[in-house]
Protein backbone atom coordinates (compact mmCIF):
# COMPACT_ATOMS: atom_id res chain seq x y z
CA MET A 1 -23.21 28.27 7.35
CA GLU A 2 -22.71 24.58 6.69
CA ASN A 3 -19.65 22.47 5.99
CA ILE A 4 -19.27 20.27 2.95
CA TYR A 5 -16.60 17.56 2.89
CA LYS A 6 -15.11 15.96 -0.21
CA ALA A 7 -12.42 13.33 -0.55
CA TYR A 8 -10.68 11.61 -3.43
CA THR A 9 -7.56 9.59 -4.13
CA LYS A 10 -4.73 10.12 -6.55
CA GLU A 11 -1.78 7.87 -7.31
CA ILE A 12 1.56 9.67 -7.33
CA ASN A 13 4.80 7.75 -7.98
CA GLY A 14 3.12 4.44 -7.22
CA LYS A 15 1.66 5.58 -3.87
CA THR A 16 -1.98 6.33 -3.19
CA PHE A 17 -2.55 9.76 -1.68
CA TYR A 18 -5.80 10.84 -0.04
CA PHE A 19 -7.06 14.37 -0.56
CA VAL A 20 -9.64 15.71 1.87
CA LYS A 21 -11.27 19.11 1.37
CA LYS A 22 -13.53 21.07 3.70
CA PHE A 23 -15.77 23.68 2.10
CA SER A 24 -17.90 26.34 3.77
CA ALA A 25 -21.27 27.00 2.18
CA PHE A 26 -23.64 29.86 2.95
CA PRO A 27 -27.16 28.80 1.89
CA GLU A 28 -28.73 31.85 3.55
CA TYR A 29 -27.13 34.10 0.91
CA LYS A 30 -28.19 33.88 -2.71
CA ASN A 31 -25.57 33.30 -5.40
CA CYS A 32 -22.77 32.82 -2.86
CA PRO A 33 -20.30 30.15 -4.01
CA THR A 34 -18.78 27.59 -1.66
CA VAL A 35 -15.41 28.55 -0.22
CA LEU A 36 -12.51 26.13 0.30
CA ASP A 37 -11.81 26.28 4.03
CA THR A 38 -9.05 23.69 4.54
CA MET A 39 -7.40 20.88 2.62
CA GLY A 40 -5.33 17.89 3.66
CA MET A 41 -3.20 15.44 1.68
CA HIS A 42 -1.45 12.33 3.01
CA THR A 43 -0.90 8.63 2.30
CA ASN A 44 -2.93 7.83 5.42
CA PHE A 45 -6.60 8.83 5.11
CA TYR A 46 -7.05 9.67 8.79
CA LYS A 47 -3.95 11.88 8.82
CA ALA A 48 -5.29 13.70 5.77
CA CYS A 49 -8.55 14.30 7.67
CA ASN A 50 -6.56 15.59 10.64
CA ILE A 51 -4.58 17.98 8.40
CA ALA A 52 -7.85 19.26 6.89
CA HIS A 53 -9.30 19.74 10.40
CA VAL A 54 -12.14 17.29 9.76
CA ASN A 55 -13.02 16.15 13.28
CA ASP A 56 -16.65 15.13 12.79
CA ASP A 57 -16.94 11.33 13.09
CA ILE A 58 -20.09 11.21 10.95
CA ALA A 59 -18.39 13.12 8.14
CA ILE A 60 -15.31 10.88 8.33
CA SER A 61 -17.47 7.74 8.16
CA LYS A 62 -19.32 9.13 5.12
CA LEU A 63 -16.02 9.89 3.39
CA THR A 64 -14.67 6.41 4.15
CA ASN A 65 -17.83 4.89 2.66
CA GLU A 66 -17.47 7.02 -0.47
CA LEU A 67 -13.84 5.97 -0.92
CA HIS A 68 -14.53 2.33 0.09
CA ILE A 69 -11.93 2.42 2.87
CA ILE A 70 -12.06 -0.45 5.34
CA PRO A 71 -11.27 0.70 8.91
CA ASP A 72 -8.42 -1.07 10.73
CA THR A 73 -10.83 -2.46 13.31
CA ALA A 74 -12.74 -4.34 10.60
CA ARG A 75 -9.77 -5.89 8.83
CA VAL A 76 -9.19 -9.62 8.98
CA ILE A 77 -5.72 -10.67 10.02
CA HIS A 78 -4.76 -14.08 8.68
CA LEU A 79 -2.73 -16.11 11.14
CA PRO A 80 -0.39 -18.91 10.08
CA LYS A 81 -1.61 -22.44 10.73
CA ILE A 82 -0.22 -23.99 13.88
CA LYS A 83 -0.44 -27.47 15.31
CA SER A 84 -3.45 -27.88 17.49
CA ILE A 85 -2.92 -28.77 21.10
CA THR A 86 -4.34 -32.18 21.86
CA HIS A 87 -5.96 -32.91 25.13
CA SER A 88 -5.53 -36.63 24.74
CA LEU A 89 -3.85 -38.17 27.76
CA LEU A 90 -2.34 -40.96 25.66
CA LYS A 91 -0.72 -38.62 23.12
CA ASN A 92 0.55 -36.24 25.78
CA THR A 93 2.04 -39.17 27.73
CA GLN A 94 3.72 -40.54 24.61
CA HIS A 95 5.24 -37.12 23.84
CA ALA A 96 6.49 -36.78 27.42
CA ILE A 97 8.11 -40.25 27.36
CA LEU A 98 9.69 -39.52 23.97
CA LYS A 99 11.14 -36.25 25.29
CA PHE A 100 12.60 -38.04 28.34
CA LYS A 101 14.16 -40.70 26.05
CA LEU A 102 15.69 -38.03 23.83
CA ALA A 103 16.97 -36.12 26.86
CA SER A 104 18.61 -39.24 28.31
CA ILE A 105 20.44 -39.99 25.03
CA ASN A 106 22.50 -36.82 25.28
């Protein structure tokens, strides 16, 4: 007996749903069709795999490659631009003096 995994997406009401199916195949028997073992459906791919009882990491990675899903660990998070911290003694001294002047005005 061997397991065959298939996955596909379908858009329902503007949301993408992932369908994961686990089939059991019996190659040792002639003319025996594959049997649907479990099926999972969810908007999160990994939850759909969990519902379908797909626990094999190799199978999950193959399915993610087929569906072109980028794992969360590989995503790039864009950070907003911030002012760089200067290590210049002159600029830092000028900022400190300016802060003292502004503090003394109040």
